[in-house]
N, C-alpha and C. Protein backbone atom coordinates (compact mmCIF):
# COMPACT_ATOMS: atom_id res chain seq x y z
N MET A 1 -3.11 32.48 36.59
CA MET A 1 -3.12 31.60 35.44
C MET A 1 -1.73 31.60 34.83
N SER A 2 -1.23 30.44 34.50
CA SER A 2 0.09 30.29 33.90
C SER A 2 -0.06 30.11 32.38
N VAL A 3 0.66 30.94 31.64
CA VAL A 3 0.64 30.87 30.19
C VAL A 3 2.07 30.70 29.70
N ILE A 4 2.28 29.78 28.78
CA ILE A 4 3.60 29.55 28.18
C ILE A 4 3.53 29.94 26.72
N LEU A 5 4.44 30.81 26.31
CA LEU A 5 4.62 31.11 24.89
C LEU A 5 5.84 30.31 24.44
N ASP A 6 5.59 29.29 23.65
CA ASP A 6 6.62 28.36 23.19
C ASP A 6 6.94 28.70 21.73
N ILE A 7 8.13 29.19 21.48
CA ILE A 7 8.50 29.63 20.14
C ILE A 7 9.54 28.68 19.56
N ASP A 8 9.18 28.04 18.46
CA ASP A 8 10.12 27.20 17.71
C ASP A 8 10.62 28.04 16.54
N LEU A 9 11.92 28.19 16.44
CA LEU A 9 12.45 29.09 15.41
C LEU A 9 12.14 28.64 13.99
N ASP A 10 11.76 27.38 13.78
CA ASP A 10 11.38 26.95 12.42
C ASP A 10 10.17 27.73 11.91
N TYR A 11 9.36 28.24 12.82
CA TYR A 11 8.20 29.04 12.45
C TYR A 11 8.59 30.25 11.61
N PHE A 12 9.70 30.84 11.90
CA PHE A 12 10.11 32.08 11.23
C PHE A 12 10.67 31.86 9.84
N ALA A 13 10.95 30.62 9.48
CA ALA A 13 11.37 30.31 8.11
C ALA A 13 10.24 30.57 7.11
N LEU A 14 9.02 30.69 7.60
CA LEU A 14 7.86 30.91 6.76
C LEU A 14 7.70 32.38 6.35
N PHE A 15 8.49 33.27 6.93
CA PHE A 15 8.35 34.70 6.69
C PHE A 15 9.45 35.23 5.78
N GLU A 16 9.12 36.26 5.03
CA GLU A 16 10.11 36.91 4.18
C GLU A 16 11.18 37.62 5.03
N HIS A 17 10.76 38.19 6.16
CA HIS A 17 11.67 38.90 7.07
C HIS A 17 11.59 38.27 8.46
N PRO A 18 12.27 37.13 8.65
CA PRO A 18 12.11 36.37 9.90
C PRO A 18 12.53 37.13 11.16
N VAL A 19 13.60 37.91 11.10
CA VAL A 19 14.04 38.64 12.29
C VAL A 19 13.00 39.67 12.70
N ARG A 20 12.44 40.36 11.74
CA ARG A 20 11.40 41.35 12.03
C ARG A 20 10.19 40.68 12.67
N GLU A 21 9.78 39.51 12.16
CA GLU A 21 8.61 38.81 12.72
C GLU A 21 8.90 38.27 14.11
N PHE A 22 10.12 37.81 14.34
CA PHE A 22 10.51 37.33 15.67
C PHE A 22 10.43 38.49 16.67
N THR A 23 10.97 39.62 16.28
CA THR A 23 10.93 40.82 17.14
C THR A 23 9.49 41.24 17.40
N ARG A 24 8.65 41.17 16.39
CA ARG A 24 7.24 41.53 16.54
C ARG A 24 6.54 40.62 17.54
N LEU A 25 6.82 39.31 17.48
CA LEU A 25 6.21 38.37 18.41
C LEU A 25 6.67 38.63 19.84
N LEU A 26 7.95 38.90 20.02
CA LEU A 26 8.45 39.19 21.36
C LEU A 26 7.86 40.50 21.90
N THR A 27 7.68 41.48 21.03
CA THR A 27 7.06 42.74 21.44
C THR A 27 5.62 42.49 21.86
N TRP A 28 4.90 41.67 21.09
CA TRP A 28 3.52 41.32 21.43
C TRP A 28 3.45 40.63 22.79
N ALA A 29 4.40 39.74 23.07
CA ALA A 29 4.41 39.01 24.34
C ALA A 29 4.69 39.94 25.52
N ALA A 30 5.34 41.05 25.26
CA ALA A 30 5.61 42.08 26.28
C ALA A 30 6.36 41.54 27.49
N ARG A 31 7.31 40.67 27.22
CA ARG A 31 8.16 40.17 28.31
C ARG A 31 9.44 39.59 27.70
N PRO A 32 10.48 39.49 28.48
CA PRO A 32 11.74 38.93 27.95
C PRO A 32 11.64 37.42 27.78
N VAL A 33 12.57 36.88 27.05
CA VAL A 33 12.68 35.42 26.89
C VAL A 33 13.18 34.85 28.21
N ASP A 34 12.51 33.82 28.72
CA ASP A 34 12.91 33.22 29.98
C ASP A 34 14.09 32.26 29.82
N PHE A 35 14.04 31.44 28.77
CA PHE A 35 15.16 30.55 28.53
C PHE A 35 15.12 30.06 27.09
N VAL A 36 16.27 29.60 26.62
CA VAL A 36 16.44 29.09 25.27
C VAL A 36 17.00 27.68 25.38
N VAL A 37 16.46 26.77 24.58
CA VAL A 37 16.97 25.39 24.56
C VAL A 37 17.36 25.03 23.14
N GLU A 38 18.31 24.13 23.02
CA GLU A 38 18.72 23.69 21.69
C GLU A 38 17.74 22.68 21.11
N HIS A 39 17.27 21.77 21.95
CA HIS A 39 16.32 20.75 21.52
C HIS A 39 14.96 21.10 22.12
N HIS A 40 13.98 21.29 21.26
CA HIS A 40 12.69 21.84 21.66
C HIS A 40 12.02 21.07 22.80
N HIS A 41 12.12 19.75 22.77
CA HIS A 41 11.47 18.98 23.83
C HIS A 41 12.11 19.19 25.19
N ASP A 42 13.33 19.75 25.22
CA ASP A 42 13.95 20.08 26.50
C ASP A 42 13.18 21.19 27.21
N ALA A 43 12.49 22.03 26.45
CA ALA A 43 11.65 23.07 27.06
C ALA A 43 10.54 22.42 27.88
N TYR A 44 9.92 21.40 27.33
CA TYR A 44 8.85 20.68 28.04
C TYR A 44 9.37 20.10 29.36
N ALA A 45 10.55 19.48 29.32
CA ALA A 45 11.13 18.91 30.55
C ALA A 45 11.36 20.01 31.59
N ARG A 46 11.78 21.15 31.12
CA ARG A 46 12.01 22.27 32.04
C ARG A 46 10.68 22.79 32.59
N TRP A 47 9.63 22.89 31.77
CA TRP A 47 8.31 23.32 32.26
C TRP A 47 7.86 22.39 33.38
N ARG A 48 8.03 21.09 33.15
CA ARG A 48 7.60 20.11 34.16
C ARG A 48 8.33 20.30 35.47
N ARG A 49 9.66 20.45 35.39
CA ARG A 49 10.45 20.65 36.61
C ARG A 49 10.02 21.93 37.33
N MET A 50 9.79 23.00 36.57
CA MET A 50 9.38 24.27 37.17
C MET A 50 8.01 24.14 37.84
N ALA A 51 7.08 23.43 37.20
CA ALA A 51 5.74 23.24 37.77
C ALA A 51 5.81 22.36 39.02
N GLU A 52 6.61 21.30 38.96
CA GLU A 52 6.75 20.42 40.12
C GLU A 52 7.39 21.14 41.30
N ALA A 53 8.32 22.06 41.01
CA ALA A 53 9.00 22.82 42.07
C ALA A 53 8.15 23.98 42.57
N GLY A 54 7.05 24.28 41.88
CA GLY A 54 6.19 25.37 42.28
C GLY A 54 6.67 26.74 41.83
N SER A 55 7.68 26.79 40.96
CA SER A 55 8.15 28.09 40.48
C SER A 55 7.24 28.66 39.40
N ILE A 56 6.42 27.82 38.78
CA ILE A 56 5.32 28.26 37.93
C ILE A 56 4.10 27.42 38.27
N GLU A 57 2.93 27.97 38.00
CA GLU A 57 1.71 27.17 38.14
C GLU A 57 1.67 26.16 37.00
N HIS A 58 0.90 25.11 37.18
CA HIS A 58 0.67 24.22 36.04
C HIS A 58 0.07 25.07 34.94
N PRO A 59 0.58 24.94 33.72
CA PRO A 59 0.09 25.83 32.67
C PRO A 59 -1.39 25.62 32.35
N HIS A 60 -2.05 26.75 32.10
CA HIS A 60 -3.44 26.73 31.68
C HIS A 60 -3.55 26.94 30.17
N LEU A 61 -2.49 27.52 29.59
CA LEU A 61 -2.47 27.80 28.16
C LEU A 61 -1.04 27.72 27.66
N ILE A 62 -0.85 27.02 26.55
CA ILE A 62 0.43 27.01 25.85
C ILE A 62 0.15 27.53 24.45
N ILE A 63 0.84 28.60 24.09
CA ILE A 63 0.78 29.13 22.73
C ILE A 63 2.03 28.64 22.04
N HIS A 64 1.86 27.81 21.04
CA HIS A 64 3.00 27.19 20.35
C HIS A 64 3.14 27.82 18.97
N ALA A 65 4.19 28.63 18.80
CA ALA A 65 4.52 29.19 17.48
C ALA A 65 5.50 28.23 16.84
N GLY A 66 5.05 27.54 15.81
CA GLY A 66 5.92 26.55 15.18
C GLY A 66 5.39 26.11 13.84
N GLU A 67 6.26 25.49 13.08
CA GLU A 67 5.89 24.98 11.77
C GLU A 67 5.24 23.60 11.87
N HIS A 68 5.44 22.91 13.01
CA HIS A 68 4.91 21.55 13.21
C HIS A 68 4.06 21.52 14.48
N HIS A 69 3.13 20.59 14.55
CA HIS A 69 2.26 20.52 15.73
C HIS A 69 2.92 19.83 16.91
N ASP A 70 3.98 19.07 16.70
CA ASP A 70 4.75 18.42 17.77
C ASP A 70 3.90 17.49 18.63
N MET A 71 3.02 16.74 17.93
CA MET A 71 2.18 15.74 18.57
C MET A 71 2.21 14.45 17.76
N MET A 72 3.38 14.06 17.32
CA MET A 72 3.51 12.95 16.38
C MET A 72 3.37 11.57 17.01
N SER A 73 3.48 11.45 18.33
CA SER A 73 3.44 10.13 18.93
C SER A 73 3.05 10.23 20.40
N ASP A 74 2.46 9.15 20.90
CA ASP A 74 2.16 9.07 22.32
C ASP A 74 3.10 8.09 23.03
N ARG A 75 4.14 7.66 22.31
CA ARG A 75 5.10 6.70 22.89
C ARG A 75 6.23 7.45 23.58
N PRO A 76 6.46 7.14 24.87
CA PRO A 76 7.56 7.78 25.59
C PRO A 76 8.91 7.35 25.00
N PRO A 77 9.91 8.15 25.21
CA PRO A 77 9.91 9.42 25.91
C PRO A 77 9.47 10.56 24.99
N ALA A 78 9.13 11.68 25.61
CA ALA A 78 8.79 12.87 24.82
C ALA A 78 10.02 13.29 24.03
N ASN A 79 9.78 13.68 22.77
CA ASN A 79 10.88 14.15 21.95
C ASN A 79 10.42 15.38 21.18
N PHE A 80 11.27 15.86 20.28
CA PHE A 80 10.96 17.11 19.56
C PHE A 80 9.69 17.01 18.74
N GLY A 81 9.27 15.83 18.35
CA GLY A 81 8.06 15.68 17.54
C GLY A 81 6.82 15.32 18.33
N SER A 82 6.96 15.14 19.66
CA SER A 82 5.81 14.68 20.44
C SER A 82 5.61 15.40 21.76
N PHE A 83 6.44 16.35 22.10
CA PHE A 83 6.40 16.91 23.45
C PHE A 83 5.09 17.60 23.79
N LEU A 84 4.37 18.18 22.81
CA LEU A 84 3.10 18.82 23.14
C LEU A 84 2.03 17.79 23.49
N TYR A 85 2.11 16.60 22.90
CA TYR A 85 1.19 15.53 23.31
C TYR A 85 1.37 15.25 24.80
N PHE A 86 2.62 15.14 25.24
CA PHE A 86 2.89 14.82 26.64
C PHE A 86 2.53 15.98 27.57
N ALA A 87 2.71 17.21 27.12
CA ALA A 87 2.28 18.36 27.92
C ALA A 87 0.77 18.32 28.12
N MET A 88 0.04 18.02 27.06
CA MET A 88 -1.42 17.96 27.16
C MET A 88 -1.86 16.78 28.03
N ASP A 89 -1.09 15.70 28.00
CA ASP A 89 -1.40 14.54 28.83
C ASP A 89 -1.11 14.84 30.31
N ASP A 90 -0.01 15.54 30.58
CA ASP A 90 0.35 15.90 31.96
C ASP A 90 -0.63 16.90 32.56
N TRP A 91 -1.08 17.85 31.75
CA TRP A 91 -1.94 18.92 32.22
C TRP A 91 -3.23 18.93 31.39
N PRO A 92 -4.15 18.01 31.66
CA PRO A 92 -5.35 17.88 30.83
C PRO A 92 -6.23 19.12 30.78
N GLU A 93 -6.12 20.01 31.76
CA GLU A 93 -6.90 21.24 31.75
C GLU A 93 -6.23 22.33 30.89
N CYS A 94 -5.02 22.07 30.44
CA CYS A 94 -4.26 23.06 29.67
C CYS A 94 -4.75 23.08 28.22
N ARG A 95 -4.97 24.27 27.74
CA ARG A 95 -5.36 24.47 26.34
C ARG A 95 -4.11 24.80 25.53
N VAL A 96 -3.99 24.24 24.35
CA VAL A 96 -2.86 24.53 23.47
C VAL A 96 -3.40 25.21 22.22
N VAL A 97 -2.77 26.31 21.86
CA VAL A 97 -3.12 27.05 20.65
C VAL A 97 -1.89 27.07 19.76
N TRP A 98 -2.08 26.67 18.51
CA TRP A 98 -0.97 26.65 17.56
C TRP A 98 -1.00 27.94 16.75
N LEU A 99 0.12 28.65 16.76
CA LEU A 99 0.28 29.87 15.99
C LEU A 99 1.10 29.51 14.75
N THR A 100 0.48 29.62 13.59
CA THR A 100 1.15 29.27 12.35
C THR A 100 0.60 30.11 11.21
N ARG A 101 1.39 30.27 10.18
CA ARG A 101 0.95 31.06 9.03
C ARG A 101 0.22 30.20 8.01
N GLN A 102 0.35 28.91 8.08
CA GLN A 102 -0.31 28.01 7.14
C GLN A 102 -0.62 26.71 7.87
N PRO A 103 -1.52 25.89 7.32
CA PRO A 103 -1.80 24.60 7.96
C PRO A 103 -0.50 23.81 8.14
N ILE A 104 -0.34 23.18 9.31
CA ILE A 104 0.89 22.50 9.59
C ILE A 104 0.75 20.99 9.50
N ASP A 105 1.84 20.36 9.08
CA ASP A 105 1.91 18.90 9.00
C ASP A 105 0.76 18.32 8.20
N SER A 106 0.42 18.93 7.12
CA SER A 106 -0.66 18.46 6.27
C SER A 106 -0.09 17.85 5.00
N PRO A 107 -0.62 16.73 4.54
CA PRO A 107 -0.13 16.15 3.29
C PRO A 107 -0.42 17.04 2.08
N ASP A 108 -1.31 18.03 2.25
CA ASP A 108 -1.63 18.92 1.15
C ASP A 108 -0.56 19.98 0.91
N ILE A 109 0.36 20.13 1.86
CA ILE A 109 1.42 21.15 1.72
C ILE A 109 2.64 20.50 1.09
N MET A 110 2.98 20.95 -0.04
CA MET A 110 4.15 20.40 -0.75
C MET A 110 5.08 21.50 -1.13
């Protein structure tokens, strides 16, 4: 089973001690960081290339640690606000779990 832990650094702005929480999450994952991208949706493009090349299985689970759900649109191309929609569309059997400290992208949060 292929599992992707997708960490958006905006998630850590929600914590009083962001570096400590980042370290805690990496310790929980019990593995090193595979790669870092500047633009979050570039991670999705890389996942696709890796799956197509057979270097990873098609993901069965994506754990997304982030402040936003990143499913803002179904209009191509995938971008930083929509890439999880496209991941779910590409891999319909894949489950996505959002890791957040508070409800995300809600009009009730001000």
